[in-house]
């Protein structure tokens, strides 16, 4: 429909590999559950809440790149779950993702960061 949107959640590396096929199902976009994907990539169990993982590492940024590249051809929205990882937020802004999902405790800090980073992009500063 025109007003109601449907997104697929990609929460493991296999889903990322199949992102182009998932997008062909006429959905509005994708939600990248980076905490779950990165946990698996770093050798933790998907639901290991005690795992200490880093969302801002190069391999996670490559996942954002891959999904953004795939989503640009059919022009789909990408939302990335970033928790409170500043590096991943900055990267998502640079790549032009539609939005990010953050932890409630980080909303104010991330909102300020987004404003600063968008201003840099608008003014052409890096």
PDB file of N, CA and C in Angstrom:
ATOM      1  N   UNK A   1       0.837  -1.191   0.000  1.00  0.00           N
ATOM      2  CA  UNK A   1       0.000   0.000   0.000  1.00  0.00           C
ATOM      3  C   UNK A   1       0.875   1.244   0.000  1.00  0.00           C
ATOM      4  N   UNK A   2       0.245   2.379  -0.183  1.00  0.00           N
ATOM      5  CA  UNK A   2       0.996   3.621  -0.275  1.00  0.00           C
ATOM      6  C   UNK A   2       1.488   4.127   1.075  1.00  0.00           C
ATOM      7  N   UNK A   3       0.762   3.867   2.148  1.00  0.00           N
ATOM      8  CA  UNK A   3       1.157   4.443   3.431  1.00  0.00           C
ATOM      9  C   UNK A   3       1.767   3.444   4.404  1.00  0.00           C
ATOM     10  N   UNK A   4       1.485   2.190   4.258  1.00  0.00           N
ATOM     11  CA  UNK A   4       2.001   1.173   5.177  1.00  0.00           C
ATOM     12  C   UNK A   4       3.229   0.524   4.562  1.00  0.00           C
ATOM     13  N   UNK A   5       4.295   0.431   5.315  1.00  0.00           N
ATOM     14  CA  UNK A   5       5.563  -0.085   4.795  1.00  0.00           C
ATOM     15  C   UNK A   5       5.894  -1.446   5.400  1.00  0.00           C
ATOM     16  N   UNK A   6       6.559  -2.274   4.611  1.00  0.00           N
ATOM     17  CA  UNK A   6       6.990  -3.596   5.065  1.00  0.00           C
ATOM     18  C   UNK A   6       8.498  -3.714   4.856  1.00  0.00           C
ATOM     19  N   UNK A   7       9.185  -4.110   5.923  1.00  0.00           N
ATOM     20  CA  UNK A   7      10.635  -4.273   5.899  1.00  0.00           C
ATOM     21  C   UNK A   7      10.993  -5.697   6.301  1.00  0.00           C
ATOM     22  N   UNK A   8      12.022  -6.237   5.686  1.00  0.00           N
ATOM     23  CA  UNK A   8      12.553  -7.544   6.088  1.00  0.00           C
ATOM     24  C   UNK A   8      13.734  -7.304   7.021  1.00  0.00           C
ATOM     25  N   UNK A   9      13.829  -8.111   8.071  1.00  0.00           N
ATOM     26  CA  UNK A   9      14.942  -8.010   9.008  1.00  0.00           C
ATOM     27  C   UNK A   9      16.023  -8.997   8.586  1.00  0.00           C
ATOM     28  N   UNK A  10      17.214  -8.477   8.347  1.00  0.00           N
ATOM     29  CA  UNK A  10      18.363  -9.324   8.064  1.00  0.00           C
ATOM     30  C   UNK A  10      19.120  -9.464   9.378  1.00  0.00           C
ATOM     31  N   UNK A  11      19.179 -10.690   9.913  1.00  0.00           N
ATOM     32  CA  UNK A  11      19.808 -10.844  11.226  1.00  0.00           C
ATOM     33  C   UNK A  11      20.892 -11.913  11.271  1.00  0.00           C
ATOM     34  N   UNK A  12      21.364 -12.319  10.095  1.00  0.00           N
ATOM     35  CA  UNK A  12      22.502 -13.236  10.054  1.00  0.00           C
ATOM     36  C   UNK A  12      23.221 -13.061   8.714  1.00  0.00           C
ATOM     37  N   UNK A  13      24.475 -13.485   8.635  1.00  0.00           N
ATOM     38  CA  UNK A  13      25.236 -13.295   7.394  1.00  0.00           C
ATOM     39  C   UNK A  13      24.590 -13.923   6.157  1.00  0.00           C
ATOM     40  N   UNK A  14      23.888 -15.023   6.325  1.00  0.00           N
ATOM     41  CA  UNK A  14      23.221 -15.654   5.183  1.00  0.00           C
ATOM     42  C   UNK A  14      22.157 -14.733   4.602  1.00  0.00           C
ATOM     43  N   UNK A  15      21.404 -14.067   5.463  1.00  0.00           N
ATOM     44  CA  UNK A  15      20.397 -13.113   4.987  1.00  0.00           C
ATOM     45  C   UNK A  15      21.044 -12.003   4.165  1.00  0.00           C
ATOM     46  N   UNK A  16      22.213 -11.540   4.593  1.00  0.00           N
ATOM     47  CA  UNK A  16      22.917 -10.481   3.869  1.00  0.00           C
ATOM     48  C   UNK A  16      23.275 -10.965   2.464  1.00  0.00           C
ATOM     49  N   UNK A  17      23.746 -12.196   2.371  1.00  0.00           N
ATOM     50  CA  UNK A  17      24.097 -12.770   1.068  1.00  0.00           C
ATOM     51  C   UNK A  17      22.871 -12.838   0.156  1.00  0.00           C
ATOM     52  N   UNK A  18      21.712 -13.092   0.745  1.00  0.00           N
ATOM     53  CA  UNK A  18      20.473 -13.226  -0.027  1.00  0.00           C
ATOM     54  C   UNK A  18      19.675 -11.923  -0.124  1.00  0.00           C
ATOM     55  N   UNK A  19      20.258 -10.806   0.278  1.00  0.00           N
ATOM     56  CA  UNK A  19      19.530  -9.537   0.330  1.00  0.00           C
ATOM     57  C   UNK A  19      18.887  -9.162  -1.002  1.00  0.00           C
ATOM     58  N   UNK A  20      19.580  -9.385  -2.111  1.00  0.00           N
ATOM     59  CA  UNK A  20      19.001  -9.025  -3.406  1.00  0.00           C
ATOM     60  C   UNK A  20      17.746  -9.835  -3.695  1.00  0.00           C
ATOM     61  N   UNK A  21      17.758 -11.113  -3.343  1.00  0.00           N
ATOM     62  CA  UNK A  21      16.571 -11.947  -3.546  1.00  0.00           C
ATOM     63  C   UNK A  21      15.436 -11.531  -2.609  1.00  0.00           C
ATOM     64  N   UNK A  22      15.780 -11.169  -1.394  1.00  0.00           N
ATOM     65  CA  UNK A  22      14.767 -10.721  -0.430  1.00  0.00           C
ATOM     66  C   UNK A  22      14.111  -9.437  -0.927  1.00  0.00           C
ATOM     67  N   UNK A  23      14.905  -8.526  -1.483  1.00  0.00           N
ATOM     68  CA  UNK A  23      14.357  -7.266  -1.997  1.00  0.00           C
ATOM     69  C   UNK A  23      13.432  -7.477  -3.192  1.00  0.00           C
ATOM     70  N   UNK A  24      13.624  -8.552  -3.932  1.00  0.00           N
ATOM     71  CA  UNK A  24      12.761  -8.832  -5.081  1.00  0.00           C
ATOM     72  C   UNK A  24      11.333  -9.171  -4.673  1.00  0.00           C
ATOM     73  N   UNK A  25      11.096  -9.402  -3.389  1.00  0.00           N
ATOM     74  CA  UNK A  25       9.755  -9.773  -2.927  1.00  0.00           C
ATOM     75  C   UNK A  25       8.838  -8.565  -2.736  1.00  0.00           C
ATOM     76  N   UNK A  26       9.210  -7.450  -3.329  1.00  0.00           N
ATOM     77  CA  UNK A  26       8.389  -6.239  -3.334  1.00  0.00           C
ATOM     78  C   UNK A  26       8.119  -5.698  -1.935  1.00  0.00           C
ATOM     79  N   UNK A  27       9.182  -5.623  -1.132  1.00  0.00           N
ATOM     80  CA  UNK A  27       9.099  -4.987   0.175  1.00  0.00           C
ATOM     81  C   UNK A  27       9.633  -3.566   0.046  1.00  0.00           C
ATOM     82  N   UNK A  28       9.462  -2.774   1.089  1.00  0.00           N
ATOM     83  CA  UNK A  28       9.891  -1.379   1.041  1.00  0.00           C
ATOM     84  C   UNK A  28      11.347  -1.176   1.424  1.00  0.00           C
ATOM     85  N   UNK A  29      11.912  -2.140   2.126  1.00  0.00           N
ATOM     86  CA  UNK A  29      13.303  -1.990   2.524  1.00  0.00           C
ATOM     87  C   UNK A  29      13.750  -3.084   3.465  1.00  0.00           C
ATOM     88  N   UNK A  30      14.928  -2.846   4.032  1.00  0.00           N
ATOM     89  CA  UNK A  30      15.552  -3.835   4.900  1.00  0.00           C
ATOM     90  C   UNK A  30      15.952  -3.208   6.227  1.00  0.00           C
ATOM     91  N   UNK A  31      15.909  -4.011   7.268  1.00  0.00           N
ATOM     92  CA  UNK A  31      16.445  -3.628   8.567  1.00  0.00           C
ATOM     93  C   UNK A  31      17.634  -4.538   8.827  1.00  0.00           C
ATOM     94  N   UNK A  32      18.800  -3.934   8.983  1.00  0.00           N
ATOM     95  CA  UNK A  32      20.011  -4.695   9.270  1.00  0.00           C
ATOM     96  C   UNK A  32      20.186  -4.790  10.783  1.00  0.00           C
ATOM     97  N   UNK A  33      20.043  -5.978  11.321  1.00  0.00           N
ATOM     98  CA  UNK A  33      20.235  -6.194  12.757  1.00  0.00           C
ATOM     99  C   UNK A  33      21.723  -6.456  12.990  1.00  0.00           C
ATOM    100  N   UNK A  34      22.491  -5.380  13.005  1.00  0.00           N
ATOM    101  CA  UNK A  34      23.944  -5.504  13.090  1.00  0.00           C
ATOM    102  C   UNK A  34      24.430  -6.186  14.362  1.00  0.00           C
ATOM    103  N   UNK A  35      23.822  -5.975  15.527  1.00  0.00           N
ATOM    104  CA  UNK A  35      24.306  -6.700  16.706  1.00  0.00           C
ATOM    105  C   UNK A  35      24.264  -8.219  16.525  1.00  0.00           C
ATOM    106  N   UNK A  36      23.188  -8.733  15.967  1.00  0.00           N
ATOM    107  CA  UNK A  36      23.085 -10.189  15.766  1.00  0.00           C
ATOM    108  C   UNK A  36      24.049 -10.670  14.685  1.00  0.00           C
ATOM    109  N   UNK A  37      24.134  -9.924  13.584  1.00  0.00           N
ATOM    110  CA  UNK A  37      25.029 -10.309  12.488  1.00  0.00           C
ATOM    111  C   UNK A  37      26.484 -10.317  12.966  1.00  0.00           C
ATOM    112  N   UNK A  38      26.884  -9.262  13.655  1.00  0.00           N
ATOM    113  CA  UNK A  38      28.276  -9.144  14.104  1.00  0.00           C
ATOM    114  C   UNK A  38      28.608 -10.198  15.153  1.00  0.00           C
ATOM    115  N   UNK A  39      27.655 -10.499  16.034  1.00  0.00           N
ATOM    116  CA  UNK A  39      27.902 -11.559  17.022  1.00  0.00           C
ATOM    117  C   UNK A  39      28.278 -12.863  16.327  1.00  0.00           C
ATOM    118  N   UNK A  40      27.505 -13.222  15.316  1.00  0.00           N
ATOM    119  CA  UNK A  40      27.777 -14.461  14.576  1.00  0.00           C
ATOM    120  C   UNK A  40      29.128 -14.371  13.865  1.00  0.00           C
ATOM    121  N   UNK A  41      29.398 -13.245  13.225  1.00  0.00           N
ATOM    122  CA  UNK A  41      30.660 -13.080  12.499  1.00  0.00           C
ATOM    123  C   UNK A  41      31.869 -13.147  13.424  1.00  0.00           C
ATOM    124  N   UNK A  42      31.697 -12.729  14.671  1.00  0.00           N
ATOM    125  CA  UNK A  42      32.809 -12.725  15.616  1.00  0.00           C
ATOM    126  C   UNK A  42      32.847 -13.993  16.466  1.00  0.00           C
ATOM    127  N   UNK A  43      32.059 -14.999  16.074  1.00  0.00           N
ATOM    128  CA  UNK A  43      32.144 -16.310  16.696  1.00  0.00           C
ATOM    129  C   UNK A  43      31.301 -16.524  17.939  1.00  0.00           C
ATOM    130  N   UNK A  44      30.375 -15.605  18.211  1.00  0.00           N
ATOM    131  CA  UNK A  44      29.493 -15.760  19.364  1.00  0.00           C
ATOM    132  C   UNK A  44      28.176 -16.382  18.928  1.00  0.00           C
ATOM    133  N   UNK A  45      27.444 -16.919  19.878  1.00  0.00           N
ATOM    134  CA  UNK A  45      26.093 -17.385  19.590  1.00  0.00           C
ATOM    135  C   UNK A  45      25.214 -16.160  19.368  1.00  0.00           C
ATOM    136  N   UNK A  46      24.257 -16.311  18.477  1.00  0.00           N
ATOM    137  CA  UNK A  46      23.393 -15.201  18.084  1.00  0.00           C
ATOM    138  C   UNK A  46      22.702 -14.535  19.275  1.00  0.00           C
ATOM    139  N   UNK A  47      22.322 -15.306  20.264  1.00  0.00           N
ATOM    140  CA  UNK A  47      21.575 -14.755  21.397  1.00  0.00           C
ATOM    141  C   UNK A  47      22.419 -14.610  22.664  1.00  0.00           C
ATOM    142  N   UNK A  48      23.741 -14.619  22.517  1.00  0.00           N
ATOM    143  CA  UNK A  48      24.644 -14.479  23.661  1.00  0.00           C
ATOM    144  C   UNK A  48      24.676 -13.021  24.105  1.00  0.00           C
ATOM    145  N   UNK A  49      23.885 -12.693  25.125  1.00  0.00           N
ATOM    146  CA  UNK A  49      23.777 -11.297  25.563  1.00  0.00           C
ATOM    147  C   UNK A  49      25.017 -10.822  26.323  1.00  0.00           C
ATOM    148  N   UNK A  50      25.864 -11.739  26.744  1.00  0.00           N
ATOM    149  CA  UNK A  50      27.088 -11.367  27.456  1.00  0.00           C
ATOM    150  C   UNK A  50      28.275 -11.176  26.510  1.00  0.00           C
ATOM    151  N   UNK A  51      28.081 -11.445  25.238  1.00  0.00           N
ATOM    152  CA  UNK A  51      29.163 -11.328  24.259  1.00  0.00           C
ATOM    153  C   UNK A  51      29.618  -9.879  24.147  1.00  0.00           C
ATOM    154  N   UNK A  52      30.918  -9.685  24.068  1.00  0.00           N
ATOM    155  CA  UNK A  52      31.483  -8.347  23.876  1.00  0.00           C
ATOM    156  C   UNK A  52      31.910  -8.254  22.410  1.00  0.00           C
ATOM    157  N   UNK A  53      31.154  -7.522  21.642  1.00  0.00           N
ATOM    158  CA  UNK A  53      31.399  -7.422  20.206  1.00  0.00           C
ATOM    159  C   UNK A  53      31.516  -5.956  19.820  1.00  0.00           C
ATOM    160  N   UNK A  54      32.073  -5.700  18.655  1.00  0.00           N
ATOM    161  CA  UNK A  54      32.302  -4.341  18.180  1.00  0.00           C
ATOM    162  C   UNK A  54      31.559  -4.134  16.865  1.00  0.00           C
ATOM    163  N   UNK A  55      30.576  -3.252  16.893  1.00  0.00           N
ATOM    164  CA  UNK A  55      29.785  -2.982  15.687  1.00  0.00           C
ATOM    165  C   UNK A  55      30.514  -2.096  14.684  1.00  0.00           C
ATOM    166  N   UNK A  56      31.588  -1.434  15.102  1.00  0.00           N
ATOM    167  CA  UNK A  56      32.262  -0.485  14.229  1.00  0.00           C
ATOM    168  C   UNK A  56      33.461  -1.038  13.487  1.00  0.00           C
ATOM    169  N   UNK A  57      33.615  -2.353  13.449  1.00  0.00           N
ATOM    170  CA  UNK A  57      34.769  -2.932  12.760  1.00  0.00           C
ATOM    171  C   UNK A  57      34.549  -2.934  11.247  1.00  0.00           C
ATOM    172  N   UNK A  58      35.640  -3.071  10.508  1.00  0.00           N
ATOM    173  CA  UNK A  58      35.572  -3.011   9.040  1.00  0.00           C
ATOM    174  C   UNK A  58      34.608  -4.017   8.432  1.00  0.00           C
ATOM    175  N   UNK A  59      34.556  -5.226   8.981  1.00  0.00           N
ATOM    176  CA  UNK A  59      33.669  -6.230   8.383  1.00  0.00           C
ATOM    177  C   UNK A  59      32.201  -5.826   8.510  1.00  0.00           C
ATOM    178  N   UNK A  60      31.834  -5.148   9.588  1.00  0.00           N
ATOM    179  CA  UNK A  60      30.439  -4.708   9.707  1.00  0.00           C
ATOM    180  C   UNK A  60      30.160  -3.542   8.761  1.00  0.00           C
ATOM    181  N   UNK A  61      31.158  -2.691   8.552  1.00  0.00           N
ATOM    182  CA  UNK A  61      30.986  -1.587   7.607  1.00  0.00           C
ATOM    183  C   UNK A  61      30.831  -2.130   6.184  1.00  0.00           C
ATOM    184  N   UNK A  62      31.538  -3.213   5.877  1.00  0.00           N
ATOM    185  CA  UNK A  62      31.406  -3.841   4.556  1.00  0.00           C
ATOM    186  C   UNK A  62      29.998  -4.400   4.352  1.00  0.00           C
ATOM    187  N   UNK A  63      29.389  -4.885   5.422  1.00  0.00           N
ATOM    188  CA  UNK A  63      28.010  -5.379   5.315  1.00  0.00           C
ATOM    189  C   UNK A  63      27.078  -4.232   4.960  1.00  0.00           C
ATOM    190  N   UNK A  64      27.262  -3.097   5.619  1.00  0.00           N
ATOM    191  CA  UNK A  64      26.445  -1.920   5.297  1.00  0.00           C
ATOM    192  C   UNK A  64      26.655  -1.545   3.836  1.00  0.00           C
ATOM    193  N   UNK A  65      27.906  -1.522   3.377  1.00  0.00           N
ATOM    194  CA  UNK A  65      28.205  -1.226   1.965  1.00  0.00           C
ATOM    195  C   UNK A  65      27.471  -2.171   1.030  1.00  0.00           C
ATOM    196  N   UNK A  66      27.591  -3.452   1.302  1.00  0.00           N
ATOM    197  CA  UNK A  66      26.992  -4.475   0.448  1.00  0.00           C
ATOM    198  C   UNK A  66      25.489  -4.284   0.337  1.00  0.00           C
ATOM    199  N   UNK A  67      24.836  -4.120   1.464  1.00  0.00           N
ATOM    200  CA  UNK A  67      23.379  -3.988   1.452  1.00  0.00           C
ATOM    201  C   UNK A  67      22.961  -2.660   0.826  1.00  0.00           C
ATOM    202  N   UNK A  68      23.704  -1.593   1.077  1.00  0.00           N
ATOM    203  CA  UNK A  68      23.384  -0.308   0.440  1.00  0.00           C
ATOM    204  C   UNK A  68      23.526  -0.401  -1.075  1.00  0.00           C
ATOM    205  N   UNK A  69      24.582  -1.041  -1.550  1.00  0.00           N
ATOM    206  CA  UNK A  69      24.772  -1.210  -2.997  1.00  0.00           C
ATOM    207  C   UNK A  69      23.621  -1.996  -3.614  1.00  0.00           C
ATOM    208  N   UNK A  70      23.219  -3.065  -2.959  1.00  0.00           N
ATOM    209  CA  UNK A  70      22.116  -3.894  -3.463  1.00  0.00           C
ATOM    210  C   UNK A  70      20.811  -3.114  -3.466  1.00  0.00           C
ATOM    211  N   UNK A  71      20.596  -2.310  -2.439  1.00  0.00           N
ATOM    212  CA  UNK A  71      19.305  -1.628  -2.292  1.00  0.00           C
ATOM    213  C   UNK A  71      19.173  -0.405  -3.185  1.00  0.00           C
ATOM    214  N   UNK A  72      20.277   0.102  -3.705  1.00  0.00           N
ATOM    215  CA  UNK A  72      20.205   1.313  -4.530  1.00  0.00           C
ATOM    216  C   UNK A  72      19.560   1.052  -5.884  1.00  0.00           C
ATOM    217  N   UNK A  73      19.805  -0.116  -6.449  1.00  0.00           N
ATOM    218  CA  UNK A  73      19.257  -0.359  -7.783  1.00  0.00           C
ATOM    219  C   UNK A  73      17.732  -0.402  -7.778  1.00  0.00           C
ATOM    220  N   UNK A  74      17.083  -1.069  -6.825  1.00  0.00           N
ATOM    221  CA  UNK A  74      15.629  -0.922  -6.798  1.00  0.00           C
ATOM    222  C   UNK A  74      15.173   0.231  -5.901  1.00  0.00           C
ATOM    223  N   UNK A  75      16.111   1.007  -5.346  1.00  0.00           N
ATOM    224  CA  UNK A  75      15.817   2.168  -4.501  1.00  0.00           C
ATOM    225  C   UNK A  75      14.953   1.807  -3.295  1.00  0.00           C
ATOM    226  N   UNK A  76      15.529   1.057  -2.398  1.00  0.00           N
ATOM    227  CA  UNK A  76      14.832   0.612  -1.186  1.00  0.00           C
ATOM    228  C   UNK A  76      15.443   1.275   0.043  1.00  0.00           C
ATOM    229  N   UNK A  77      14.646   1.402   1.093  1.00  0.00           N
ATOM    230  CA  UNK A  77      15.104   2.019   2.332  1.00  0.00           C
ATOM    231  C   UNK A  77      15.857   1.004   3.189  1.00  0.00           C
ATOM    232  N   UNK A  78      16.938   1.471   3.816  1.00  0.00           N
ATOM    233  CA  UNK A  78      17.724   0.629   4.709  1.00  0.00           C
ATOM    234  C   UNK A  78      17.741   1.288   6.085  1.00  0.00           C
ATOM    235  N   UNK A  79      17.421   0.505   7.097  1.00  0.00           N
ATOM    236  CA  UNK A  79      17.512   0.941   8.488  1.00  0.00           C
ATOM    237  C   UNK A  79      18.514   0.012   9.161  1.00  0.00           C
ATOM    238  N   UNK A  80      19.448   0.590   9.906  1.00  0.00           N
ATOM    239  CA  UNK A  80      20.503  -0.200  10.537  1.00  0.00           C
ATOM    240  C   UNK A  80      20.387  -0.086  12.055  1.00  0.00           C
ATOM    241  N   UNK A  81      20.357  -1.225  12.727  1.00  0.00           N
ATOM    242  CA  UNK A  81      20.378  -1.232  14.189  1.00  0.00           C
ATOM    243  C   UNK A  81      21.833  -1.047  14.603  1.00  0.00           C
ATOM    244  N   UNK A  82      22.119   0.093  15.248  1.00  0.00           N
ATOM    245  CA  UNK A  82      23.492   0.461  15.581  1.00  0.00           C
ATOM    246  C   UNK A  82      23.765   0.458  17.083  1.00  0.00           C
ATOM    247  N   UNK A  83      22.740   0.224  17.890  1.00  0.00           N
ATOM    248  CA  UNK A  83      22.833   0.323  19.345  1.00  0.00           C
ATOM    249  C   UNK A  83      23.352   1.711  19.697  1.00  0.00           C
ATOM    250  N   UNK A  84      24.597   1.832  20.152  1.00  0.00           N
ATOM    251  CA  UNK A  84      25.163   3.147  20.469  1.00  0.00           C
ATOM    252  C   UNK A  84      26.550   3.321  19.852  1.00  0.00           C
ATOM    253  N   UNK A  85      26.821   2.606  18.766  1.00  0.00           N
ATOM    254  CA  UNK A  85      28.141   2.628  18.158  1.00  0.00           C
ATOM    255  C   UNK A  85      28.307   3.844  17.254  1.00  0.00           C
ATOM    256  N   UNK A  86      29.113   4.784  17.700  1.00  0.00           N
ATOM    257  CA  UNK A  86      29.314   6.051  17.006  1.00  0.00           C
ATOM    258  C   UNK A  86      29.912   5.842  15.616  1.00  0.00           C
ATOM    259  N   UNK A  87      30.904   4.967  15.500  1.00  0.00           N
ATOM    260  CA  UNK A  87      31.532   4.728  14.191  1.00  0.00           C
ATOM    261  C   UNK A  87      30.535   4.193  13.174  1.00  0.00           C
ATOM    262  N   UNK A  88      29.681   3.288  13.611  1.00  0.00           N
ATOM    263  CA  UNK A  88      28.691   2.726  12.698  1.00  0.00           C
ATOM    264  C   UNK A  88      27.650   3.775  12.312  1.00  0.00           C
ATOM    265  N   UNK A  89      27.258   4.619  13.253  1.00  0.00           N
ATOM    266  CA  UNK A  89      26.307   5.701  12.941  1.00  0.00           C
ATOM    267  C   UNK A  89      26.903   6.626  11.887  1.00  0.00           C
ATOM    268  N   UNK A  90      28.134   7.061  12.106  1.00  0.00           N
ATOM    269  CA  UNK A  90      28.788   7.959  11.144  1.00  0.00           C
ATOM    270  C   UNK A  90      28.857   7.317   9.758  1.00  0.00           C
ATOM    271  N   UNK A  91      29.207   6.056   9.728  1.00  0.00           N
ATOM    272  CA  UNK A  91      29.326   5.358   8.451  1.00  0.00           C
ATOM    273  C   UNK A  91      27.974   5.258   7.752  1.00  0.00           C
ATOM    274  N   UNK A  92      26.942   4.974   8.518  1.00  0.00           N
ATOM    275  CA  UNK A  92      25.596   4.885   7.936  1.00  0.00           C
ATOM    276  C   UNK A  92      25.173   6.218   7.328  1.00  0.00           C
ATOM    277  N   UNK A  93      25.506   7.306   7.999  1.00  0.00           N
ATOM    278  CA  UNK A  93      25.179   8.633   7.470  1.00  0.00           C
ATOM    279  C   UNK A  93      25.928   8.864   6.163  1.00  0.00           C
ATOM    280  N   UNK A  94      27.214   8.554   6.148  1.00  0.00           N
ATOM    281  CA  UNK A  94      28.023   8.736   4.936  1.00  0.00           C
ATOM    282  C   UNK A  94      27.501   7.903   3.771  1.00  0.00           C
ATOM    283  N   UNK A  95      26.978   6.715   4.072  1.00  0.00           N
ATOM    284  CA  UNK A  95      26.485   5.827   3.024  1.00  0.00           C
ATOM    285  C   UNK A  95      25.055   6.149   2.601  1.00  0.00           C
ATOM    286  N   UNK A  96      24.396   7.041   3.314  1.00  0.00           N
ATOM    287  CA  UNK A  96      23.054   7.460   2.931  1.00  0.00           C
ATOM    288  C   UNK A  96      21.948   6.501   3.318  1.00  0.00           C
ATOM    289  N   UNK A  97      22.134   5.747   4.411  1.00  0.00           N
ATOM    290  CA  UNK A  97      21.049   4.862   4.831  1.00  0.00           C
ATOM    291  C   UNK A  97      19.849   5.699   5.257  1.00  0.00           C
ATOM    292  N   UNK A  98      18.693   5.104   5.195  1.00  0.00           N
ATOM    293  CA  UNK A  98      17.437   5.788   5.501  1.00  0.00           C
ATOM    294  C   UNK A  98      17.350   6.188   6.971  1.00  0.00           C
ATOM    295  N   UNK A  99      17.817   5.308   7.870  1.00  0.00           N
ATOM    296  CA  UNK A  99      17.751   5.613   9.288  1.00  0.00           C
ATOM    297  C   UNK A  99      18.503   4.591  10.112  1.00  0.00           C
ATOM    298  N   UNK A 100      18.651   4.911  11.395  1.00  0.00           N
ATOM    299  CA  UNK A 100      19.295   3.991  12.327  1.00  0.00           C
ATOM    300  C   UNK A 100      18.385   3.781  13.524  1.00  0.00           C
ATOM    301  N   UNK A 101      18.555   2.633  14.153  1.00  0.00           N
ATOM    302  CA  UNK A 101      17.841   2.314  15.381  1.00  0.00           C
ATOM    303  C   UNK A 101      18.875   2.276  16.496  1.00  0.00           C
ATOM    304  N   UNK A 102      18.600   3.012  17.579  1.00  0.00           N
ATOM    305  CA  UNK A 102      19.573   3.150  18.662  1.00  0.00           C
ATOM    306  C   UNK A 102      18.975   2.710  19.990  1.00  0.00           C
ATOM    307  N   UNK A 103      19.851   2.502  20.959  1.00  0.00           N
ATOM    308  CA  UNK A 103      19.401   2.186  22.308  1.00  0.00           C
ATOM    309  C   UNK A 103      18.735   3.419  22.921  1.00  0.00           C
ATOM    310  N   UNK A 104      17.686   3.240  23.720  1.00  0.00           N
ATOM    311  CA  UNK A 104      16.994   4.386  24.316  1.00  0.00           C
ATOM    312  C   UNK A 104      17.925   5.339  25.071  1.00  0.00           C
ATOM    313  N   UNK A 105      18.902   4.801  25.766  1.00  0.00           N
ATOM    314  CA  UNK A 105      19.810   5.648  26.548  1.00  0.00           C
ATOM    315  C   UNK A 105      20.707   6.515  25.664  1.00  0.00           C
ATOM    316  N   UNK A 106      20.797   6.196  24.381  1.00  0.00           N
ATOM    317  CA  UNK A 106      21.709   6.888  23.468  1.00  0.00           C
ATOM    318  C   UNK A 106      21.022   7.849  22.514  1.00  0.00           C
ATOM    319  N   UNK A 107      19.716   7.964  22.601  1.00  0.00           N
ATOM    320  CA  UNK A 107      18.972   8.757  21.616  1.00  0.00           C
ATOM    321  C   UNK A 107      19.487  10.193  21.533  1.00  0.00           C
ATOM    322  N   UNK A 108      19.631  10.853  22.660  1.00  0.00           N
ATOM    323  CA  UNK A 108      20.047  12.260  22.655  1.00  0.00           C
ATOM    324  C   UNK A 108      21.446  12.416  22.050  1.00  0.00           C
ATOM    325  N   UNK A 109      22.375  11.586  22.483  1.00  0.00           N
ATOM    326  CA  UNK A 109      23.751  11.647  21.983  1.00  0.00           C
ATOM    327  C   UNK A 109      23.807  11.362  20.480  1.00  0.00           C
ATOM    328  N   UNK A 110      23.086  10.347  20.040  1.00  0.00           N
ATOM    329  CA  UNK A 110      23.108   9.979  18.619  1.00  0.00           C
ATOM    330  C   UNK A 110      22.421  11.049  17.776  1.00  0.00           C
ATOM    331  N   UNK A 111      21.354  11.641  18.290  1.00  0.00           N
ATOM    332  CA  UNK A 111      20.680  12.721  17.552  1.00  0.00           C
ATOM    333  C   UNK A 111      21.649  13.882  17.312  1.00  0.00           C
ATOM    334  N   UNK A 112      22.428  14.244  18.330  1.00  0.00           N
ATOM    335  CA  UNK A 112      23.423  15.315  18.178  1.00  0.00           C
ATOM    336  C   UNK A 112      24.489  14.922  17.158  1.00  0.00           C
ATOM    337  N   UNK A 113      24.943  13.691  17.240  1.00  0.00           N
ATOM    338  CA  UNK A 113      25.948  13.195  16.297  1.00  0.00           C
ATOM    339  C   UNK A 113      25.425  13.246  14.863  1.00  0.00           C
ATOM    340  N   UNK A 114      24.189  12.812  14.669  1.00  0.00           N
ATOM    341  CA  UNK A 114      23.588  12.828  13.333  1.00  0.00           C
ATOM    342  C   UNK A 114      23.531  14.259  12.801  1.00  0.00           C
ATOM    343  N   UNK A 115      23.125  15.202  13.632  1.00  0.00           N
ATOM    344  CA  UNK A 115      23.067  16.607  13.208  1.00  0.00           C
ATOM    345  C   UNK A 115      24.442  17.111  12.783  1.00  0.00           C
ATOM    346  N   UNK A 116      25.455  16.797  13.578  1.00  0.00           N
ATOM    347  CA  UNK A 116      26.820  17.233  13.256  1.00  0.00           C
ATOM    348  C   UNK A 116      27.310  16.608  11.953  1.00  0.00           C
ATOM    349  N   UNK A 117      27.086  15.324  11.800  1.00  0.00           N
ATOM    350  CA  UNK A 117      27.566  14.626  10.605  1.00  0.00           C
ATOM    351  C   UNK A 117      26.826  15.075   9.349  1.00  0.00           C
ATOM    352  N   UNK A 118      25.514  15.290   9.468  1.00  0.00           N
ATOM    353  CA  UNK A 118      24.761  15.776   8.307  1.00  0.00           C
ATOM    354  C   UNK A 118      25.212  17.178   7.924  1.00  0.00           C
ATOM    355  N   UNK A 119      25.503  18.016   8.909  1.00  0.00           N
ATOM    356  CA  UNK A 119      25.996  19.364   8.622  1.00  0.00           C
ATOM    357  C   UNK A 119      27.326  19.294   7.876  1.00  0.00           C
ATOM    358  N   UNK A 120      28.202  18.388   8.290  1.00  0.00           N
ATOM    359  CA  UNK A 120      29.484  18.213   7.591  1.00  0.00           C
ATOM    360  C   UNK A 120      29.259  17.810   6.136  1.00  0.00           C
ATOM    361  N   UNK A 121      28.315  16.903   5.913  1.00  0.00           N
ATOM    362  CA  UNK A 121      28.032  16.467   4.540  1.00  0.00           C
ATOM    363  C   UNK A 121      27.479  17.614   3.698  1.00  0.00           C
ATOM    364  N   UNK A 122      26.573  18.379   4.292  1.00  0.00           N
ATOM    365  CA  UNK A 122      25.965  19.496   3.564  1.00  0.00           C
ATOM    366  C   UNK A 122      27.007  20.554   3.223  1.00  0.00           C
ATOM    367  N   UNK A 123      27.907  20.808   4.166  1.00  0.00           N
ATOM    368  CA  UNK A 123      28.940  21.823   3.954  1.00  0.00           C
ATOM    369  C   UNK A 123      30.146  21.287   3.190  1.00  0.00           C
ATOM    370  N   UNK A 124      30.124  20.004   2.879  1.00  0.00           N
ATOM    371  CA  UNK A 124      31.199  19.408   2.105  1.00  0.00           C
ATOM    372  C   UNK A 124      32.465  19.135   2.887  1.00  0.00           C
ATOM    373  N   UNK A 125      32.347  19.056   4.205  1.00  0.00           N
ATOM    374  CA  UNK A 125      33.518  18.766   5.045  1.00  0.00           C
ATOM    375  C   UNK A 125      33.520  17.297   5.402  1.00  0.00           C
ATOM    376  N   UNK A 126      34.696  16.739   5.528  1.00  0.00           N
ATOM    377  CA  UNK A 126      34.805  15.327   5.935  1.00  0.00           C
ATOM    378  C   UNK A 126      35.583  15.207   7.177  1.00  0.00           C
TER     379      UNK A 126
END
